[in-house]
Amino acid sequence: MAILVTGGCGYIGSHVCVELLAAGYDVVVLDNLSNSQSAVMERVAQIAGKPAKFYEADILDEKALHRIFVENEIKAVMHFAGLKSVEESFKIPLKYYRNNVTGTVMLLSAMKKRSVKKIVFSSSAAAYGIQAAMPVHETCATRAVNPYGRTKAMIEDILNDLYESDKEWSICS
């Protein structure tokens, strides 16, 4: 059983890859290297004692997504890919919406085509904005105050809508 890790060369994604490999899973990584380096995969292999299969690709690339799902027996996805700077999101909000929201929709569509209905989504506290009480819990209403946080909140809404339309999905955010 292979697990697809999007953004697998990033900080969180690479640590997850190490743990998945150590637990005996086959790991397939998709990363466009916009916030990372391919050398991370070499370090992951050194630490885990075995390599993950790596694709330098973007979640916005429908053909690459199709190829990854066809070439690998993907059973679940851990989704860490995305632009992540609050400050930058104010300067180029359309890029954030396109990459984070549209990219996730494309990933979910590719998953659905292959009947892969298990996903862990790496959201952000930025989706919850400024709350009256701390710590912030998942039961709090989302009130993002920046474009980056709004992309994360939108994706959470999309995932909720997807689950409500098809209870076979297993979604963790």
N, C-alpha and C. Protein backbone atom coordinates (compact mmCIF):
# COMPACT_ATOMS: atom_id res chain seq x y z
N MET A 1 0.84 -1.19 0.00
CA MET A 1 0.00 0.00 0.00
C MET A 1 0.88 1.24 0.00
N ALA A 2 0.67 2.11 -0.97
CA ALA A 2 1.47 3.33 -1.05
C ALA A 2 0.66 4.52 -0.55
N ILE A 3 1.35 5.40 0.11
CA ILE A 3 0.75 6.65 0.56
C ILE A 3 1.42 7.78 -0.21
N LEU A 4 0.60 8.62 -0.82
CA LEU A 4 1.09 9.79 -1.52
C LEU A 4 1.22 10.93 -0.53
N VAL A 5 2.41 11.52 -0.48
CA VAL A 5 2.66 12.67 0.38
C VAL A 5 2.94 13.87 -0.51
N THR A 6 1.97 14.80 -0.58
CA THR A 6 2.20 16.01 -1.36
C THR A 6 2.97 16.99 -0.48
N GLY A 7 3.92 17.69 -1.09
CA GLY A 7 4.77 18.57 -0.29
C GLY A 7 5.72 17.77 0.59
N GLY A 8 6.08 16.60 0.14
CA GLY A 8 6.90 15.68 0.94
C GLY A 8 8.34 16.11 1.15
N CYS A 9 8.80 17.10 0.42
CA CYS A 9 10.16 17.61 0.63
C CYS A 9 10.19 18.77 1.62
N GLY A 10 9.02 19.22 2.05
CA GLY A 10 8.95 20.30 3.02
C GLY A 10 9.25 19.80 4.42
N TYR A 11 9.27 20.71 5.38
CA TYR A 11 9.63 20.37 6.75
C TYR A 11 8.71 19.30 7.34
N ILE A 12 7.41 19.56 7.37
CA ILE A 12 6.48 18.60 7.95
C ILE A 12 6.40 17.35 7.08
N GLY A 13 6.26 17.55 5.77
CA GLY A 13 6.13 16.42 4.86
C GLY A 13 7.29 15.45 4.94
N SER A 14 8.52 15.99 5.02
CA SER A 14 9.69 15.11 5.07
C SER A 14 9.73 14.31 6.38
N HIS A 15 9.33 14.92 7.48
CA HIS A 15 9.29 14.19 8.74
C HIS A 15 8.22 13.09 8.70
N VAL A 16 7.09 13.38 8.08
CA VAL A 16 6.04 12.38 7.93
C VAL A 16 6.55 11.22 7.06
N CYS A 17 7.27 11.55 5.99
CA CYS A 17 7.84 10.50 5.12
C CYS A 17 8.73 9.55 5.90
N VAL A 18 9.59 10.10 6.74
CA VAL A 18 10.49 9.27 7.56
C VAL A 18 9.67 8.31 8.42
N GLU A 19 8.64 8.82 9.06
CA GLU A 19 7.82 7.99 9.95
C GLU A 19 7.04 6.93 9.17
N LEU A 20 6.50 7.30 8.01
CA LEU A 20 5.76 6.34 7.20
C LEU A 20 6.68 5.23 6.70
N LEU A 21 7.85 5.60 6.21
CA LEU A 21 8.81 4.60 5.75
C LEU A 21 9.23 3.67 6.88
N ALA A 22 9.48 4.25 8.05
CA ALA A 22 9.88 3.45 9.22
C ALA A 22 8.77 2.49 9.64
N ALA A 23 7.52 2.87 9.38
CA ALA A 23 6.38 2.02 9.73
C ALA A 23 6.10 0.97 8.65
N GLY A 24 6.90 0.97 7.58
CA GLY A 24 6.77 -0.06 6.56
C GLY A 24 5.92 0.30 5.35
N TYR A 25 5.47 1.52 5.26
CA TYR A 25 4.67 1.93 4.11
C TYR A 25 5.55 2.25 2.91
N ASP A 26 4.99 2.04 1.73
CA ASP A 26 5.60 2.55 0.51
C ASP A 26 5.15 4.00 0.41
N VAL A 27 6.10 4.89 0.16
CA VAL A 27 5.81 6.32 0.14
C VAL A 27 6.12 6.89 -1.23
N VAL A 28 5.18 7.64 -1.75
CA VAL A 28 5.33 8.34 -3.01
C VAL A 28 5.21 9.83 -2.70
N VAL A 29 6.21 10.59 -3.12
CA VAL A 29 6.25 12.02 -2.83
C VAL A 29 6.03 12.82 -4.09
N LEU A 30 5.17 13.79 -4.00
CA LEU A 30 4.96 14.78 -5.05
C LEU A 30 5.33 16.13 -4.46
N ASP A 31 6.26 16.83 -5.10
CA ASP A 31 6.66 18.16 -4.62
C ASP A 31 7.17 18.96 -5.82
N ASN A 32 6.76 20.22 -5.91
CA ASN A 32 7.23 21.06 -7.01
C ASN A 32 8.52 21.80 -6.66
N LEU A 33 9.01 21.60 -5.45
CA LEU A 33 10.28 22.17 -4.96
C LEU A 33 10.27 23.70 -4.89
N SER A 34 9.10 24.31 -4.81
CA SER A 34 9.05 25.77 -4.71
C SER A 34 9.47 26.26 -3.32
N ASN A 35 9.29 25.43 -2.31
CA ASN A 35 9.68 25.78 -0.93
C ASN A 35 10.63 24.75 -0.34
N SER A 36 11.28 23.96 -1.18
CA SER A 36 12.10 22.86 -0.67
C SER A 36 13.15 22.48 -1.71
N GLN A 37 13.89 21.42 -1.38
CA GLN A 37 14.94 20.93 -2.28
C GLN A 37 14.84 19.42 -2.40
N SER A 38 15.18 18.90 -3.58
CA SER A 38 15.12 17.45 -3.79
C SER A 38 16.12 16.69 -2.92
N ALA A 39 17.17 17.36 -2.47
CA ALA A 39 18.16 16.71 -1.60
C ALA A 39 17.53 16.20 -0.31
N VAL A 40 16.39 16.75 0.06
CA VAL A 40 15.68 16.30 1.26
C VAL A 40 15.34 14.82 1.13
N MET A 41 15.02 14.37 -0.07
CA MET A 41 14.66 12.97 -0.28
C MET A 41 15.85 12.04 0.02
N GLU A 42 17.06 12.50 -0.27
CA GLU A 42 18.24 11.71 0.06
C GLU A 42 18.40 11.58 1.58
N ARG A 43 18.14 12.68 2.29
CA ARG A 43 18.24 12.64 3.76
C ARG A 43 17.15 11.77 4.36
N VAL A 44 15.94 11.83 3.77
CA VAL A 44 14.85 10.98 4.24
C VAL A 44 15.25 9.51 4.09
N ALA A 45 15.82 9.15 2.93
CA ALA A 45 16.25 7.77 2.69
C ALA A 45 17.34 7.35 3.68
N GLN A 46 18.29 8.24 3.97
CA GLN A 46 19.36 7.92 4.93
C GLN A 46 18.77 7.65 6.30
N ILE A 47 17.87 8.49 6.75
CA ILE A 47 17.29 8.35 8.08
C ILE A 47 16.39 7.12 8.17
N ALA A 48 15.55 6.93 7.16
CA ALA A 48 14.58 5.83 7.18
C ALA A 48 15.18 4.49 6.78
N GLY A 49 16.32 4.53 6.11
CA GLY A 49 16.95 3.29 5.66
C GLY A 49 16.40 2.77 4.35
N LYS A 50 15.50 3.50 3.74
CA LYS A 50 14.98 3.15 2.42
C LYS A 50 14.38 4.40 1.79
N PRO A 51 14.34 4.44 0.46
CA PRO A 51 13.88 5.66 -0.21
C PRO A 51 12.37 5.71 -0.43
N ALA A 52 11.89 6.92 -0.59
CA ALA A 52 10.53 7.15 -1.09
C ALA A 52 10.65 7.37 -2.58
N LYS A 53 9.62 7.06 -3.31
CA LYS A 53 9.58 7.35 -4.75
C LYS A 53 9.23 8.83 -4.90
N PHE A 54 10.02 9.55 -5.71
CA PHE A 54 9.86 11.00 -5.80
C PHE A 54 9.46 11.45 -7.20
N TYR A 55 8.46 12.32 -7.24
CA TYR A 55 8.05 12.98 -8.48
C TYR A 55 8.16 14.49 -8.28
N GLU A 56 8.98 15.13 -9.10
CA GLU A 56 8.99 16.59 -9.10
C GLU A 56 7.83 17.03 -9.97
N ALA A 57 6.76 17.43 -9.34
CA ALA A 57 5.53 17.79 -10.04
C ALA A 57 4.71 18.72 -9.16
N ASP A 58 3.67 19.25 -9.75
CA ASP A 58 2.81 20.23 -9.08
C ASP A 58 1.40 19.67 -8.98
N ILE A 59 0.71 19.97 -7.90
CA ILE A 59 -0.67 19.49 -7.75
C ILE A 59 -1.60 20.16 -8.77
N LEU A 60 -1.14 21.22 -9.41
CA LEU A 60 -1.91 21.86 -10.48
C LEU A 60 -1.74 21.17 -11.83
N ASP A 61 -0.85 20.20 -11.90
CA ASP A 61 -0.56 19.49 -13.14
C ASP A 61 -1.40 18.21 -13.21
N GLU A 62 -2.52 18.29 -13.91
CA GLU A 62 -3.47 17.17 -13.98
C GLU A 62 -2.84 15.92 -14.58
N LYS A 63 -2.00 16.09 -15.59
CA LYS A 63 -1.35 14.93 -16.22
C LYS A 63 -0.38 14.25 -15.25
N ALA A 64 0.36 15.04 -14.51
CA ALA A 64 1.29 14.46 -13.53
C ALA A 64 0.52 13.72 -12.44
N LEU A 65 -0.56 14.31 -11.96
CA LEU A 65 -1.37 13.64 -10.94
C LEU A 65 -1.88 12.30 -11.48
N HIS A 66 -2.39 12.32 -12.69
CA HIS A 66 -2.90 11.09 -13.30
C HIS A 66 -1.79 10.04 -13.38
N ARG A 67 -0.61 10.44 -13.85
CA ARG A 67 0.52 9.51 -13.99
C ARG A 67 0.89 8.91 -12.64
N ILE A 68 0.95 9.73 -11.61
CA ILE A 68 1.32 9.25 -10.27
C ILE A 68 0.33 8.21 -9.77
N PHE A 69 -0.97 8.49 -9.96
CA PHE A 69 -1.97 7.54 -9.49
C PHE A 69 -1.97 6.26 -10.32
N VAL A 70 -1.69 6.35 -11.62
CA VAL A 70 -1.66 5.17 -12.49
C VAL A 70 -0.42 4.32 -12.21
N GLU A 71 0.72 4.96 -11.99
CA GLU A 71 1.98 4.23 -11.81
C GLU A 71 2.16 3.65 -10.41
N ASN A 72 1.35 4.05 -9.47
CA ASN A 72 1.52 3.62 -8.08
C ASN A 72 0.18 3.17 -7.52
N GLU A 73 0.22 2.24 -6.61
CA GLU A 73 -1.00 1.77 -5.98
C GLU A 73 -1.27 2.63 -4.74
N ILE A 74 -1.70 3.86 -5.00
CA ILE A 74 -1.95 4.82 -3.92
C ILE A 74 -3.23 4.42 -3.19
N LYS A 75 -3.14 4.32 -1.88
CA LYS A 75 -4.31 3.97 -1.07
C LYS A 75 -4.77 5.13 -0.19
N ALA A 76 -3.88 6.12 0.02
CA ALA A 76 -4.23 7.26 0.86
C ALA A 76 -3.30 8.42 0.50
N VAL A 77 -3.72 9.62 0.87
CA VAL A 77 -2.95 10.83 0.59
C VAL A 77 -2.78 11.63 1.87
N MET A 78 -1.58 12.13 2.05
CA MET A 78 -1.30 13.10 3.11
C MET A 78 -0.89 14.38 2.39
N HIS A 79 -1.72 15.41 2.53
CA HIS A 79 -1.62 16.62 1.72
C HIS A 79 -0.99 17.78 2.49
N PHE A 80 0.29 18.04 2.20
CA PHE A 80 1.03 19.12 2.83
C PHE A 80 1.43 20.21 1.83
N ALA A 81 1.20 19.97 0.54
CA ALA A 81 1.62 20.94 -0.48
C ALA A 81 0.79 22.21 -0.37
N GLY A 82 1.47 23.33 -0.52
CA GLY A 82 0.75 24.60 -0.53
C GLY A 82 1.68 25.76 -0.25
N LEU A 83 1.26 26.91 -0.72
CA LEU A 83 1.97 28.14 -0.38
C LEU A 83 1.60 28.50 1.05
N LYS A 84 2.55 29.09 1.81
CA LYS A 84 2.34 29.17 3.26
C LYS A 84 2.69 30.48 3.93
N SER A 85 2.97 31.53 3.21
CA SER A 85 3.37 32.78 3.85
C SER A 85 2.18 33.74 3.98
N VAL A 86 1.85 34.08 5.21
CA VAL A 86 0.77 35.04 5.44
C VAL A 86 1.09 36.37 4.76
N GLU A 87 2.30 36.88 4.98
CA GLU A 87 2.70 38.16 4.40
C GLU A 87 2.62 38.14 2.88
N GLU A 88 3.16 37.11 2.27
CA GLU A 88 3.15 37.00 0.81
C GLU A 88 1.73 36.87 0.28
N SER A 89 0.86 36.21 1.03
CA SER A 89 -0.51 36.00 0.56
C SER A 89 -1.27 37.31 0.38
N PHE A 90 -0.89 38.34 1.12
CA PHE A 90 -1.50 39.66 0.93
C PHE A 90 -1.04 40.30 -0.38
N LYS A 91 0.18 39.99 -0.79
CA LYS A 91 0.75 40.59 -2.01
C LYS A 91 0.29 39.89 -3.28
N ILE A 92 0.12 38.57 -3.21
CA ILE A 92 -0.26 37.80 -4.40
C ILE A 92 -1.39 36.82 -4.05
N PRO A 93 -2.54 37.35 -3.65
CA PRO A 93 -3.63 36.47 -3.20
C PRO A 93 -4.12 35.50 -4.26
N LEU A 94 -4.18 35.93 -5.53
CA LEU A 94 -4.68 35.03 -6.56
C LEU A 94 -3.79 33.80 -6.72
N LYS A 95 -2.48 34.00 -6.57
CA LYS A 95 -1.57 32.86 -6.64
C LYS A 95 -1.86 31.87 -5.51
N TYR A 96 -2.16 32.39 -4.32
CA TYR A 96 -2.48 31.53 -3.18
C TYR A 96 -3.78 30.75 -3.41
N TYR A 97 -4.80 31.45 -3.89
CA TYR A 97 -6.07 30.76 -4.15
C TYR A 97 -5.91 29.71 -5.24
N ARG A 98 -5.18 30.05 -6.29
CA ARG A 98 -4.99 29.10 -7.39
C ARG A 98 -4.21 27.88 -6.92
N ASN A 99 -3.09 28.12 -6.27
CA ASN A 99 -2.25 27.01 -5.83
C ASN A 99 -2.93 26.18 -4.75
N ASN A 100 -3.34 26.82 -3.68
CA ASN A 100 -3.84 26.06 -2.53
C ASN A 100 -5.23 25.48 -2.75
N VAL A 101 -6.17 26.30 -3.22
CA VAL A 101 -7.55 25.83 -3.36
C VAL A 101 -7.72 25.03 -4.65
N THR A 102 -7.36 25.63 -5.78
CA THR A 102 -7.52 24.91 -7.06
C THR A 102 -6.66 23.65 -7.08
N GLY A 103 -5.44 23.74 -6.58
CA GLY A 103 -4.57 22.57 -6.53
C GLY A 103 -5.17 21.44 -5.71
N THR A 104 -5.78 21.78 -4.59
CA THR A 104 -6.40 20.76 -3.75
C THR A 104 -7.60 20.14 -4.46
N VAL A 105 -8.40 20.96 -5.13
CA VAL A 105 -9.54 20.43 -5.88
C VAL A 105 -9.05 19.48 -6.97
N MET A 106 -7.96 19.83 -7.64
CA MET A 106 -7.41 18.94 -8.67
C MET A 106 -6.92 17.63 -8.05
N LEU A 107 -6.27 17.72 -6.90
CA LEU A 107 -5.81 16.52 -6.20
C LEU A 107 -7.00 15.64 -5.81
N LEU A 108 -8.03 16.25 -5.24
CA LEU A 108 -9.22 15.49 -4.83
C LEU A 108 -9.90 14.85 -6.03
N SER A 109 -9.94 15.55 -7.15
CA SER A 109 -10.53 14.99 -8.37
C SER A 109 -9.74 13.78 -8.86
N ALA A 110 -8.41 13.88 -8.81
CA ALA A 110 -7.57 12.75 -9.21
C ALA A 110 -7.79 11.57 -8.27
N MET A 111 -7.92 11.85 -6.99
CA MET A 111 -8.18 10.80 -6.01
C MET A 111 -9.51 10.12 -6.31
N LYS A 112 -10.53 10.92 -6.55
CA LYS A 112 -11.86 10.37 -6.80
C LYS A 112 -11.86 9.48 -8.04
N LYS A 113 -11.16 9.91 -9.10
CA LYS A 113 -11.10 9.10 -10.32
C LYS A 113 -10.51 7.72 -10.07
N ARG A 114 -9.59 7.64 -9.12
CA ARG A 114 -8.92 6.37 -8.81
C ARG A 114 -9.52 5.68 -7.59
N SER A 115 -10.64 6.19 -7.09
CA SER A 115 -11.32 5.64 -5.90
C SER A 115 -10.42 5.62 -4.67
N VAL A 116 -9.59 6.63 -4.54
CA VAL A 116 -8.77 6.80 -3.33
C VAL A 116 -9.50 7.82 -2.48
N LYS A 117 -10.05 7.38 -1.35
CA LYS A 117 -10.93 8.24 -0.58
C LYS A 117 -10.45 8.42 0.86
N LYS A 118 -9.14 8.40 1.04
CA LYS A 118 -8.56 8.65 2.36
C LYS A 118 -7.55 9.77 2.23
N ILE A 119 -7.75 10.82 3.03
CA ILE A 119 -6.84 11.96 2.96
C ILE A 119 -6.67 12.59 4.34
N VAL A 120 -5.43 12.96 4.61
CA VAL A 120 -5.10 13.80 5.77
C VAL A 120 -4.67 15.14 5.18
N PHE A 121 -5.34 16.20 5.59
CA PHE A 121 -5.04 17.54 5.09
C PHE A 121 -4.38 18.35 6.18
N SER A 122 -3.25 18.95 5.85
CA SER A 122 -2.54 19.81 6.79
C SER A 122 -3.12 21.21 6.70
N SER A 123 -4.00 21.51 7.63
CA SER A 123 -4.62 22.82 7.66
C SER A 123 -3.71 23.78 8.42
N SER A 124 -4.28 24.80 9.02
CA SER A 124 -3.48 25.79 9.72
C SER A 124 -4.34 26.52 10.74
N ALA A 125 -3.74 26.91 11.83
CA ALA A 125 -4.45 27.74 12.80
C ALA A 125 -4.87 29.07 12.17
N ALA A 126 -4.21 29.45 11.07
CA ALA A 126 -4.56 30.69 10.37
C ALA A 126 -6.00 30.65 9.85
N ALA A 127 -6.55 29.45 9.66
CA ALA A 127 -7.94 29.33 9.21
C ALA A 127 -8.91 29.83 10.28
N TYR A 128 -8.47 29.85 11.53
CA TYR A 128 -9.34 30.22 12.64
C TYR A 128 -9.20 31.68 13.05
N GLY A 129 -8.22 32.36 12.50
CA GLY A 129 -8.07 33.78 12.81
C GLY A 129 -7.83 34.03 14.28
N ILE A 130 -8.31 35.18 14.72
CA ILE A 130 -8.16 35.58 16.13
C ILE A 130 -9.41 35.15 16.88
N GLN A 131 -9.23 34.30 17.86
CA GLN A 131 -10.34 33.77 18.65
C GLN A 131 -10.37 34.41 20.04
N ALA A 132 -11.53 34.44 20.64
CA ALA A 132 -11.68 35.04 21.98
C ALA A 132 -11.00 34.19 23.05
N ALA A 133 -11.04 32.88 22.86
CA ALA A 133 -10.46 31.97 23.86
C ALA A 133 -9.35 31.16 23.24
N MET A 134 -8.35 30.87 24.06
CA MET A 134 -7.23 30.04 23.63
C MET A 134 -7.18 28.82 24.53
N PRO A 135 -6.73 27.67 24.13
CA PRO A 135 -6.27 27.40 22.78
C PRO A 135 -7.45 27.28 21.82
N VAL A 136 -7.15 27.37 20.54
CA VAL A 136 -8.16 27.25 19.49
C VAL A 136 -8.41 25.76 19.27
N HIS A 137 -9.67 25.39 19.19
CA HIS A 137 -10.07 24.00 18.95
C HIS A 137 -10.69 23.89 17.56
N GLU A 138 -10.72 22.68 17.04
CA GLU A 138 -11.31 22.45 15.72
C GLU A 138 -12.79 22.78 15.69
N THR A 139 -13.43 22.82 16.85
CA THR A 139 -14.85 23.15 16.91
C THR A 139 -15.11 24.64 16.78
N CYS A 140 -14.07 25.46 16.85
CA CYS A 140 -14.23 26.90 16.69
C CYS A 140 -14.59 27.22 15.24
N ALA A 141 -15.31 28.30 15.06
CA ALA A 141 -15.65 28.74 13.70
C ALA A 141 -14.39 29.28 13.02
N THR A 142 -14.29 29.02 11.72
CA THR A 142 -13.16 29.57 10.97
C THR A 142 -13.45 31.05 10.71
N ARG A 143 -12.41 31.88 10.94
CA ARG A 143 -12.51 33.33 10.74
C ARG A 143 -11.16 33.85 10.27
N ALA A 144 -10.71 33.35 9.18
CA ALA A 144 -9.39 33.73 8.69
C ALA A 144 -9.34 35.24 8.43
N VAL A 145 -8.16 35.82 8.70
CA VAL A 145 -7.99 37.27 8.53
C VAL A 145 -6.95 37.59 7.46
N ASN A 146 -6.56 36.58 6.68
CA ASN A 146 -5.59 36.80 5.61
C ASN A 146 -5.86 35.79 4.50
N PRO A 147 -5.39 36.09 3.28
CA PRO A 147 -5.65 35.19 2.16
C PRO A 147 -5.14 33.76 2.41
N TYR A 148 -3.97 33.61 2.98
CA TYR A 148 -3.45 32.27 3.27
C TYR A 148 -4.43 31.49 4.15
N GLY A 149 -4.84 32.09 5.24
CA GLY A 149 -5.78 31.43 6.15
C GLY A 149 -7.11 31.13 5.49
N ARG A 150 -7.57 32.04 4.63
CA ARG A 150 -8.83 31.81 3.92
C ARG A 150 -8.72 30.61 2.98
N THR A 151 -7.53 30.41 2.36
CA THR A 151 -7.39 29.23 1.49
C THR A 151 -7.53 27.95 2.32
N LYS A 152 -6.94 27.94 3.50
CA LYS A 152 -7.03 26.76 4.36
C LYS A 152 -8.47 26.53 4.82
N ALA A 153 -9.17 27.61 5.18
CA ALA A 153 -10.57 27.49 5.60
C ALA A 153 -11.44 26.99 4.44
N MET A 154 -11.19 27.51 3.24
CA MET A 154 -11.96 27.06 2.07
C MET A 154 -11.75 25.58 1.81
N ILE A 155 -10.51 25.14 1.94
CA ILE A 155 -10.22 23.72 1.72
C ILE A 155 -10.92 22.87 2.77
N GLU A 156 -10.94 23.31 4.00
CA GLU A 156 -11.68 22.58 5.04
C GLU A 156 -13.16 22.48 4.67
N ASP A 157 -13.73 23.58 4.16
CA ASP A 157 -15.14 23.56 3.73
C ASP A 157 -15.33 22.59 2.57
N ILE A 158 -14.42 22.60 1.61
CA ILE A 158 -14.51 21.68 0.47
C ILE A 158 -14.47 20.24 0.96
N LEU A 159 -13.56 19.94 1.88
CA LEU A 159 -13.45 18.59 2.41
C LEU A 159 -14.73 18.19 3.15
N ASN A 160 -15.29 19.11 3.92
CA ASN A 160 -16.55 18.83 4.61
C ASN A 160 -17.67 18.55 3.61
N ASP A 161 -17.76 19.36 2.56
CA ASP A 161 -18.77 19.16 1.53
C ASP A 161 -18.57 17.81 0.82
N LEU A 162 -17.34 17.47 0.56
CA LEU A 162 -17.03 16.20 -0.09
C LEU A 162 -17.50 15.03 0.77
N TYR A 163 -17.19 15.10 2.05
CA TYR A 163 -17.61 14.03 2.96
C TYR A 163 -19.14 13.95 3.05
N GLU A 164 -19.80 15.10 3.13
CA GLU A 164 -21.26 15.10 3.23
C GLU A 164 -21.90 14.50 1.97
N SER A 165 -21.23 14.63 0.82
CA SER A 165 -21.77 14.08 -0.42
C SER A 165 -21.47 12.59 -0.59
N ASP A 166 -20.47 12.10 0.13
CA ASP A 166 -20.03 10.71 -0.01
C ASP A 166 -19.36 10.27 1.28
N LYS A 167 -20.10 9.57 2.11
CA LYS A 167 -19.61 9.16 3.44
C LYS A 167 -18.52 8.09 3.37
N GLU A 168 -18.17 7.61 2.17
CA GLU A 168 -17.07 6.66 2.05
C GLU A 168 -15.72 7.34 2.23
N TRP A 169 -15.69 8.65 2.10
CA TRP A 169 -14.43 9.37 2.29
C TRP A 169 -14.03 9.33 3.75
N SER A 170 -12.75 9.17 3.99
CA SER A 170 -12.17 9.25 5.32
C SER A 170 -11.23 10.46 5.27
N ILE A 171 -11.61 11.51 6.00
CA ILE A 171 -10.91 12.79 5.90
C ILE A 171 -10.50 13.26 7.29
N CYS A 172 -9.25 13.62 7.41
CA CYS A 172 -8.74 14.20 8.65
C CYS A 172 -8.08 15.52 8.29
N SER A 173 -8.46 16.56 9.01
CA SER A 173 -7.90 17.88 8.73
C SER A 173 -7.24 18.40 10.00
